[in-house]
């Protein structure tokens, strides 16, 4: 079984079946299987995430009451903030015009 490992801008291919030490060959084979299983899980999670995002988009697309104008978020130094791609929330944006409500106006 030939595997290719990419590290530091170079690729190295290995033929695991050519390993003479049986213990090392067995460990390499197990690690290759684990990596393969993890790749399948990653692909499944990516598919599920894209599906849920599409479902959320379909659910919200006709909800005009939920649409807000946004502007770029800034930190306390005035610098633009970046979005965290690992979350569904877009941290790089805030409401363009903050809702100004007082306690009295919400109790009416």
N, C-alpha and C. Protein backbone atom coordinates (compact mmCIF):
# COMPACT_ATOMS: atom_id res chain seq x y z
N UNK A 1 0.85 -1.15 0.00
CA UNK A 1 0.00 0.00 0.00
C UNK A 1 0.91 1.23 0.00
N UNK A 2 0.72 2.09 -1.01
CA UNK A 2 1.51 3.31 -1.13
C UNK A 2 0.72 4.46 -0.52
N UNK A 3 1.37 5.20 0.37
CA UNK A 3 0.75 6.38 0.95
C UNK A 3 1.66 7.57 0.67
N UNK A 4 1.05 8.74 0.58
CA UNK A 4 1.80 9.97 0.36
C UNK A 4 1.52 10.91 1.51
N UNK A 5 2.59 11.45 2.08
CA UNK A 5 2.47 12.39 3.19
C UNK A 5 3.04 13.72 2.73
N UNK A 6 2.22 14.79 2.89
CA UNK A 6 2.63 16.14 2.52
C UNK A 6 3.07 16.89 3.78
N UNK A 7 4.30 17.33 3.81
CA UNK A 7 4.86 18.10 4.91
C UNK A 7 5.78 19.18 4.38
N UNK A 8 5.68 20.38 4.94
CA UNK A 8 6.62 21.46 4.63
C UNK A 8 6.86 21.63 3.14
N UNK A 9 5.78 21.76 2.38
CA UNK A 9 5.85 22.01 0.93
C UNK A 9 6.53 20.89 0.14
N UNK A 10 6.54 19.68 0.68
CA UNK A 10 7.07 18.55 -0.10
C UNK A 10 6.22 17.32 0.17
N UNK A 11 6.19 16.43 -0.78
CA UNK A 11 5.45 15.19 -0.65
C UNK A 11 6.42 14.02 -0.66
N UNK A 12 6.16 13.06 0.23
CA UNK A 12 6.97 11.85 0.28
C UNK A 12 6.03 10.66 0.19
N UNK A 13 6.34 9.73 -0.70
CA UNK A 13 5.53 8.52 -0.86
C UNK A 13 6.24 7.35 -0.20
N UNK A 14 5.46 6.50 0.44
CA UNK A 14 6.00 5.33 1.14
C UNK A 14 5.22 4.10 0.70
N UNK A 15 5.92 2.99 0.55
CA UNK A 15 5.29 1.69 0.30
C UNK A 15 5.31 0.95 1.62
N UNK A 16 4.18 0.94 2.31
CA UNK A 16 4.09 0.35 3.65
C UNK A 16 4.42 -1.14 3.60
N UNK A 17 4.06 -1.82 2.53
CA UNK A 17 4.33 -3.26 2.43
C UNK A 17 5.82 -3.58 2.36
N UNK A 18 6.66 -2.58 2.07
CA UNK A 18 8.11 -2.82 2.01
C UNK A 18 8.78 -2.73 3.37
N UNK A 19 8.06 -2.35 4.40
CA UNK A 19 8.64 -2.24 5.74
C UNK A 19 8.95 -3.65 6.25
N UNK A 20 10.19 -3.84 6.67
CA UNK A 20 10.62 -5.19 7.08
C UNK A 20 10.27 -5.51 8.53
N UNK A 21 10.20 -4.52 9.38
CA UNK A 21 9.85 -4.73 10.78
C UNK A 21 8.33 -4.89 10.88
N UNK A 22 7.88 -6.11 11.24
CA UNK A 22 6.44 -6.40 11.27
C UNK A 22 5.67 -5.50 12.22
N UNK A 23 6.25 -5.15 13.36
CA UNK A 23 5.57 -4.30 14.34
C UNK A 23 5.36 -2.90 13.76
N UNK A 24 6.37 -2.37 13.09
CA UNK A 24 6.27 -1.04 12.47
C UNK A 24 5.27 -1.07 11.32
N UNK A 25 5.33 -2.15 10.51
CA UNK A 25 4.38 -2.30 9.40
C UNK A 25 2.95 -2.33 9.91
N UNK A 26 2.71 -3.10 10.99
CA UNK A 26 1.36 -3.20 11.55
C UNK A 26 0.91 -1.85 12.10
N UNK A 27 1.79 -1.14 12.81
CA UNK A 27 1.43 0.17 13.36
C UNK A 27 1.14 1.17 12.25
N UNK A 28 1.96 1.15 11.19
CA UNK A 28 1.72 2.05 10.06
C UNK A 28 0.38 1.76 9.40
N UNK A 29 0.06 0.48 9.24
CA UNK A 29 -1.21 0.09 8.63
C UNK A 29 -2.39 0.56 9.48
N UNK A 30 -2.28 0.41 10.78
CA UNK A 30 -3.35 0.85 11.69
C UNK A 30 -3.53 2.36 11.62
N UNK A 31 -2.42 3.10 11.61
CA UNK A 31 -2.50 4.56 11.54
C UNK A 31 -3.13 4.99 10.22
N UNK A 32 -2.76 4.34 9.12
CA UNK A 32 -3.35 4.66 7.82
C UNK A 32 -4.85 4.42 7.86
N UNK A 33 -5.29 3.32 8.47
CA UNK A 33 -6.72 3.04 8.60
C UNK A 33 -7.43 4.10 9.44
N UNK A 34 -6.79 4.51 10.54
CA UNK A 34 -7.38 5.54 11.40
C UNK A 34 -7.52 6.86 10.64
N UNK A 35 -6.48 7.23 9.90
CA UNK A 35 -6.53 8.47 9.12
C UNK A 35 -7.64 8.39 8.08
N UNK A 36 -7.76 7.23 7.44
CA UNK A 36 -8.84 7.05 6.46
C UNK A 36 -10.21 7.18 7.10
N UNK A 37 -10.39 6.58 8.28
CA UNK A 37 -11.66 6.70 8.99
C UNK A 37 -11.95 8.14 9.37
N UNK A 38 -10.94 8.86 9.82
CA UNK A 38 -11.13 10.27 10.17
C UNK A 38 -11.50 11.10 8.95
N UNK A 39 -10.91 10.80 7.81
CA UNK A 39 -11.27 11.52 6.58
C UNK A 39 -12.73 11.31 6.22
N UNK A 40 -13.22 10.09 6.39
CA UNK A 40 -14.63 9.80 6.12
C UNK A 40 -15.51 10.60 7.08
N UNK A 41 -15.14 10.65 8.35
CA UNK A 41 -15.92 11.42 9.34
C UNK A 41 -15.91 12.90 9.00
N UNK A 42 -14.74 13.43 8.62
CA UNK A 42 -14.64 14.85 8.25
C UNK A 42 -15.55 15.15 7.06
N UNK A 43 -15.52 14.29 6.06
CA UNK A 43 -16.38 14.50 4.89
C UNK A 43 -17.85 14.43 5.27
N UNK A 44 -18.21 13.50 6.15
CA UNK A 44 -19.60 13.38 6.59
C UNK A 44 -20.04 14.62 7.37
N UNK A 45 -19.18 15.11 8.25
CA UNK A 45 -19.50 16.32 9.01
C UNK A 45 -19.61 17.54 8.10
N UNK A 46 -18.74 17.63 7.12
CA UNK A 46 -18.81 18.74 6.17
C UNK A 46 -20.12 18.70 5.40
N UNK A 47 -20.50 17.51 4.94
CA UNK A 47 -21.76 17.34 4.23
C UNK A 47 -22.95 17.72 5.12
N UNK A 48 -22.94 17.25 6.36
CA UNK A 48 -24.03 17.56 7.29
C UNK A 48 -24.09 19.05 7.57
N UNK A 49 -22.94 19.68 7.74
CA UNK A 49 -22.90 21.12 8.01
C UNK A 49 -23.46 21.91 6.83
N UNK A 50 -23.03 21.55 5.61
CA UNK A 50 -23.54 22.25 4.42
C UNK A 50 -25.04 22.04 4.27
N UNK A 51 -25.52 20.84 4.58
CA UNK A 51 -26.95 20.56 4.48
C UNK A 51 -27.74 21.39 5.48
N UNK A 52 -27.25 21.46 6.72
CA UNK A 52 -27.94 22.25 7.74
C UNK A 52 -27.92 23.73 7.40
N UNK A 53 -26.81 24.23 6.89
CA UNK A 53 -26.76 25.63 6.48
C UNK A 53 -27.75 25.92 5.36
N UNK A 54 -27.86 25.01 4.41
CA UNK A 54 -28.82 25.19 3.31
C UNK A 54 -30.25 25.15 3.85
N UNK A 55 -30.52 24.25 4.79
CA UNK A 55 -31.85 24.19 5.41
C UNK A 55 -32.16 25.47 6.17
N UNK A 56 -31.17 26.02 6.87
CA UNK A 56 -31.36 27.27 7.59
C UNK A 56 -31.62 28.41 6.61
N UNK A 57 -30.88 28.44 5.52
CA UNK A 57 -31.10 29.47 4.50
C UNK A 57 -32.52 29.37 3.94
N UNK A 58 -32.97 28.17 3.63
CA UNK A 58 -34.34 27.98 3.12
C UNK A 58 -35.39 28.40 4.15
N UNK A 59 -35.13 28.12 5.41
CA UNK A 59 -36.06 28.49 6.46
C UNK A 59 -36.16 30.00 6.63
N UNK A 60 -35.02 30.70 6.53
CA UNK A 60 -34.99 32.13 6.83
C UNK A 60 -35.21 33.04 5.63
N UNK A 61 -35.12 32.53 4.41
CA UNK A 61 -35.13 33.41 3.25
C UNK A 61 -36.41 34.23 3.10
N UNK A 62 -37.53 33.77 3.60
CA UNK A 62 -38.78 34.52 3.51
C UNK A 62 -39.13 35.23 4.81
N UNK A 63 -38.22 35.28 5.76
CA UNK A 63 -38.48 35.91 7.06
C UNK A 63 -37.93 37.33 7.05
N UNK A 64 -38.68 38.23 6.41
CA UNK A 64 -38.25 39.62 6.27
C UNK A 64 -38.03 40.29 7.63
N UNK A 65 -38.78 39.87 8.65
CA UNK A 65 -38.63 40.48 9.97
C UNK A 65 -37.28 40.19 10.61
N UNK A 66 -36.59 39.20 10.11
CA UNK A 66 -35.30 38.84 10.68
C UNK A 66 -34.13 39.48 9.94
N UNK A 67 -34.38 40.13 8.80
CA UNK A 67 -33.31 40.73 8.01
C UNK A 67 -32.85 42.01 8.69
N UNK A 68 -31.54 42.18 8.84
CA UNK A 68 -30.97 43.39 9.44
C UNK A 68 -29.87 43.94 8.54
N UNK A 69 -29.67 45.23 8.59
CA UNK A 69 -28.54 45.86 7.91
C UNK A 69 -27.33 45.70 8.82
N UNK A 70 -26.18 45.41 8.22
CA UNK A 70 -24.97 45.21 9.02
C UNK A 70 -23.86 46.13 8.56
N UNK A 71 -22.87 46.24 9.43
CA UNK A 71 -21.64 46.94 9.09
C UNK A 71 -20.49 46.14 9.68
N UNK A 72 -19.28 46.47 9.26
CA UNK A 72 -18.11 45.75 9.76
C UNK A 72 -17.92 45.99 11.25
N UNK A 73 -17.65 44.95 12.00
CA UNK A 73 -17.41 45.07 13.44
C UNK A 73 -15.99 45.56 13.68
N UNK A 74 -15.83 46.32 14.73
CA UNK A 74 -14.52 46.84 15.11
C UNK A 74 -14.24 46.47 16.57
N UNK A 75 -12.98 46.27 16.88
CA UNK A 75 -12.61 46.01 18.27
C UNK A 75 -12.44 47.33 19.01
N UNK A 76 -12.02 47.27 20.28
CA UNK A 76 -11.92 48.49 21.06
C UNK A 76 -10.80 49.42 20.59
N UNK A 77 -9.93 48.95 19.70
CA UNK A 77 -8.89 49.81 19.11
C UNK A 77 -9.34 50.40 17.78
N UNK A 78 -10.55 50.05 17.35
CA UNK A 78 -11.08 50.56 16.09
C UNK A 78 -10.69 49.73 14.87
N UNK A 79 -10.03 48.61 15.09
CA UNK A 79 -9.62 47.74 13.99
C UNK A 79 -10.78 46.83 13.59
N UNK A 80 -10.84 46.51 12.29
CA UNK A 80 -11.85 45.57 11.83
C UNK A 80 -11.63 44.21 12.47
N UNK A 81 -12.72 43.54 12.82
CA UNK A 81 -12.64 42.21 13.41
C UNK A 81 -12.85 41.17 12.32
N UNK A 82 -12.21 40.04 12.48
CA UNK A 82 -12.33 38.95 11.51
C UNK A 82 -13.45 38.01 11.93
N UNK A 83 -13.94 37.26 10.97
CA UNK A 83 -14.94 36.23 11.23
C UNK A 83 -14.23 34.95 11.60
N UNK A 84 -14.80 34.20 12.51
CA UNK A 84 -14.29 32.88 12.86
C UNK A 84 -14.98 31.87 11.94
N UNK A 85 -14.26 31.28 10.98
CA UNK A 85 -14.91 30.37 10.02
C UNK A 85 -15.44 29.09 10.66
N UNK A 86 -15.06 28.83 11.90
CA UNK A 86 -15.51 27.61 12.58
C UNK A 86 -16.90 27.76 13.19
N UNK A 87 -17.45 28.98 13.16
CA UNK A 87 -18.78 29.19 13.74
C UNK A 87 -19.74 29.65 12.66
N UNK A 88 -21.03 29.46 12.88
CA UNK A 88 -22.03 29.91 11.91
C UNK A 88 -22.26 31.41 12.05
N UNK A 89 -22.04 31.94 13.25
CA UNK A 89 -22.23 33.38 13.48
C UNK A 89 -21.09 34.14 12.80
N UNK A 90 -21.42 35.26 12.20
CA UNK A 90 -20.42 36.10 11.53
C UNK A 90 -19.97 37.17 12.50
N UNK A 91 -18.84 36.92 13.17
CA UNK A 91 -18.33 37.85 14.17
C UNK A 91 -17.78 39.14 13.57
N UNK A 92 -17.60 39.17 12.25
CA UNK A 92 -17.05 40.35 11.60
C UNK A 92 -18.12 41.40 11.31
N UNK A 93 -19.37 41.11 11.67
CA UNK A 93 -20.46 42.04 11.37
C UNK A 93 -21.27 42.34 12.63
N UNK A 94 -21.80 43.55 12.67
CA UNK A 94 -22.73 43.97 13.73
C UNK A 94 -23.88 44.70 13.05
N UNK A 95 -24.96 44.92 13.80
CA UNK A 95 -26.07 45.69 13.26
C UNK A 95 -25.58 47.08 12.89
N UNK A 96 -26.03 47.57 11.73
CA UNK A 96 -25.62 48.88 11.27
C UNK A 96 -26.17 49.97 12.18
N UNK A 97 -27.39 49.78 12.64
CA UNK A 97 -28.00 50.76 13.53
C UNK A 97 -28.50 50.00 14.74
N UNK A 98 -27.90 50.25 15.88
CA UNK A 98 -28.27 49.52 17.08
C UNK A 98 -29.70 49.86 17.48
N UNK A 99 -30.42 48.85 17.94
CA UNK A 99 -31.77 49.07 18.45
C UNK A 99 -31.64 49.85 19.75
N UNK A 100 -32.26 51.02 19.79
CA UNK A 100 -32.21 51.83 21.00
C UNK A 100 -33.54 51.65 21.71
N UNK A 101 -33.51 50.85 22.77
CA UNK A 101 -34.71 50.62 23.54
C UNK A 101 -34.41 50.95 24.99
N UNK A 102 -35.35 51.59 25.61
CA UNK A 102 -35.22 51.83 27.04
C UNK A 102 -36.15 50.88 27.77
N UNK A 103 -35.97 50.78 29.04
CA UNK A 103 -36.81 49.89 29.83
C UNK A 103 -38.27 50.31 29.72
N UNK A 104 -38.52 51.61 29.69
CA UNK A 104 -39.90 52.10 29.62
C UNK A 104 -40.55 51.73 28.29
N UNK A 105 -39.81 51.79 27.18
CA UNK A 105 -40.41 51.50 25.88
C UNK A 105 -40.73 50.02 25.71
N UNK A 106 -40.03 49.15 26.40
CA UNK A 106 -40.30 47.72 26.27
C UNK A 106 -41.44 47.27 27.16
N UNK A 107 -41.78 48.07 28.17
CA UNK A 107 -42.86 47.70 29.08
C UNK A 107 -44.22 48.18 28.61
N UNK A 108 -44.30 48.98 27.55
CA UNK A 108 -45.56 49.56 27.09
C UNK A 108 -46.50 48.50 26.57
